[in-house]
Structures are given as structure tokens and as C-alpha cells.
Amino acid sequence: MNSLDTLGYCKRLEAVGVPRDQAEVHAQVLTEVMNQVVTKDDLKEFEVRLKEWVTLYVKEQIAELKADMLKWFFAGLIAQTSLIIAVLRYLPQ
């Protein structure tokens, strides 16, 4: 989180002729804005969380795809075996 020396900021504004009330409002508004700014630490934390999420999601998707591929492989194997048996059965001997 960003930090701001509001007292020092107000004094610097007052030193150049800004009335105290306005200087205080400037400091308050600047503090609010700085609290909404993304920092490097925020981005680093987001990057770590995103990598974790992607890793979990990809692993889950790969597991689902493996299961689907096995289902289709065995279904095709059974269909192919059935076709070969049917062809061999009805061929003239």
C-alpha cells in the first residue's frame, strides 16, 4: 500500500500559498487516490494467485480429457472388434 505524508504535503502546499483548508482537502483526495493505485506488490500477489489458479484448472482439464480419451478409445476398440467378429461370422467359409 502506498503511504503519503499528509502533514508534510499540507505544509508544502501552504508554503506556496494554498489555504490550509484546501491543502487538507488536497491531501485527503490524494490519499484516497493513492489507496486505489495498484502497487508492484499487488501485481506480484495477483500473479502468484493467477498461476496457482491456472495450474489447478489446467490439471483438472487434463484429467477430464484423459478420461474422455480413454472412454472413446475403449468404445472404438469395442466397436472395431464387434465389426471384425461380424464380418468374420458372415463371410463364406
Protein backbone atom coordinates (compact mmCIF):
# COMPACT_ATOMS: atom_id res chain seq x y z
CA MET A 1 0.00 0.00 0.00
CA ASN A 2 1.20 3.47 -0.81
CA SER A 3 1.92 5.86 2.04
CA LEU A 4 1.68 9.60 1.96
CA ASP A 5 2.94 12.12 4.47
CA THR A 6 -0.25 14.17 4.53
CA LEU A 7 1.06 16.65 7.07
CA GLY A 8 4.19 17.31 5.03
CA TYR A 9 2.09 17.56 1.87
CA CYS A 10 -0.22 20.11 3.51
CA LYS A 11 2.72 22.17 4.78
CA ARG A 12 4.32 22.23 1.32
CA LEU A 13 1.05 23.43 -0.21
CA GLU A 14 0.65 26.08 2.47
CA ALA A 15 4.24 27.21 1.87
CA VAL A 16 3.37 28.12 -1.71
CA GLY A 17 0.20 29.98 -0.77
CA VAL A 18 -2.56 27.36 -0.78
CA PRO A 19 -5.04 27.97 2.06
CA ARG A 20 -4.95 25.36 4.86
CA ASP A 21 -8.49 24.07 4.15
CA GLN A 22 -7.67 23.48 0.50
CA ALA A 23 -4.34 21.87 1.37
CA GLU A 24 -6.10 19.42 3.71
CA VAL A 25 -8.66 18.53 1.04
CA HIS A 26 -5.85 18.03 -1.49
CA ALA A 27 -4.10 15.65 0.93
CA GLN A 28 -7.30 13.71 1.63
CA VAL A 29 -8.13 13.31 -2.04
CA LEU A 30 -4.56 12.34 -2.92
CA THR A 31 -4.59 9.73 -0.13
CA GLU A 32 -7.84 8.26 -1.48
CA VAL A 33 -6.42 8.10 -5.00
CA MET A 34 -3.18 6.50 -3.84
CA ASN A 35 -5.15 3.83 -1.95
CA GLN A 36 -6.74 2.82 -5.26
CA VAL A 37 -3.48 2.59 -7.20
CA VAL A 38 -2.11 -0.89 -7.85
CA THR A 39 1.36 -1.46 -6.47
CA LYS A 40 4.10 -3.86 -7.56
CA ASP A 41 3.32 -6.00 -4.52
CA ASP A 42 -0.34 -6.16 -5.53
CA LEU A 43 0.65 -7.26 -9.03
CA LYS A 44 3.06 -9.87 -7.67
CA GLU A 45 0.37 -11.29 -5.38
CA PHE A 46 -2.09 -11.38 -8.28
CA GLU A 47 0.47 -13.13 -10.48
CA VAL A 48 1.05 -15.83 -7.85
CA ARG A 49 -2.69 -16.38 -7.36
CA LEU A 50 -3.28 -16.48 -11.11
CA LYS A 51 -0.52 -19.06 -11.62
CA GLU A 52 -1.98 -21.23 -8.86
CA TRP A 53 -5.45 -21.00 -10.37
CA VAL A 54 -4.21 -21.79 -13.88
CA THR A 55 -2.20 -24.75 -12.60
CA LEU A 56 -5.20 -26.20 -10.79
CA TYR A 57 -7.55 -25.52 -13.69
CA VAL A 58 -5.21 -27.00 -16.31
CA LYS A 59 -4.58 -30.11 -14.21
CA GLU A 60 -8.33 -30.58 -13.79
CA GLN A 61 -8.94 -30.14 -17.50
CA ILE A 62 -6.16 -32.57 -18.43
CA ALA A 63 -7.61 -35.19 -16.09
CA GLU A 64 -11.05 -34.77 -17.69
CA LEU A 65 -9.57 -35.01 -21.19
CA LYS A 66 -7.67 -38.18 -20.28
CA ALA A 67 -10.88 -39.78 -19.02
CA ASP A 68 -12.75 -38.77 -22.18
CA MET A 69 -9.97 -40.09 -24.41
CA LEU A 70 -9.98 -43.43 -22.59
CA LYS A 71 -13.76 -43.70 -22.97
CA TRP A 72 -13.57 -43.02 -26.70
CA PHE A 73 -10.60 -45.35 -27.14
CA PHE A 74 -12.36 -48.29 -25.49
CA ALA A 75 -15.66 -47.55 -27.25
CA GLY A 76 -13.83 -47.53 -30.59
CA LEU A 77 -11.97 -50.72 -29.69
CA ILE A 78 -15.21 -52.49 -28.81
CA ALA A 79 -16.92 -51.25 -31.98
CA GLN A 80 -13.97 -52.31 -34.14
CA THR A 81 -13.79 -55.75 -32.51
CA SER A 82 -17.55 -56.22 -32.95
CA LEU A 83 -17.29 -55.27 -36.61
CA ILE A 84 -14.44 -57.69 -37.22
CA ILE A 85 -16.35 -60.53 -35.48
CA ALA A 86 -19.48 -59.76 -37.51
CA VAL A 87 -17.56 -59.70 -40.78
CA LEU A 88 -15.77 -62.96 -39.98
CA ARG A 89 -19.01 -64.64 -38.94
CA TYR A 90 -20.87 -63.80 -42.15
CA LEU A 91 -18.01 -64.50 -44.58
CA PRO A 92 -18.47 -67.66 -46.57
CA GLN A 93 -16.28 -70.43 -45.25
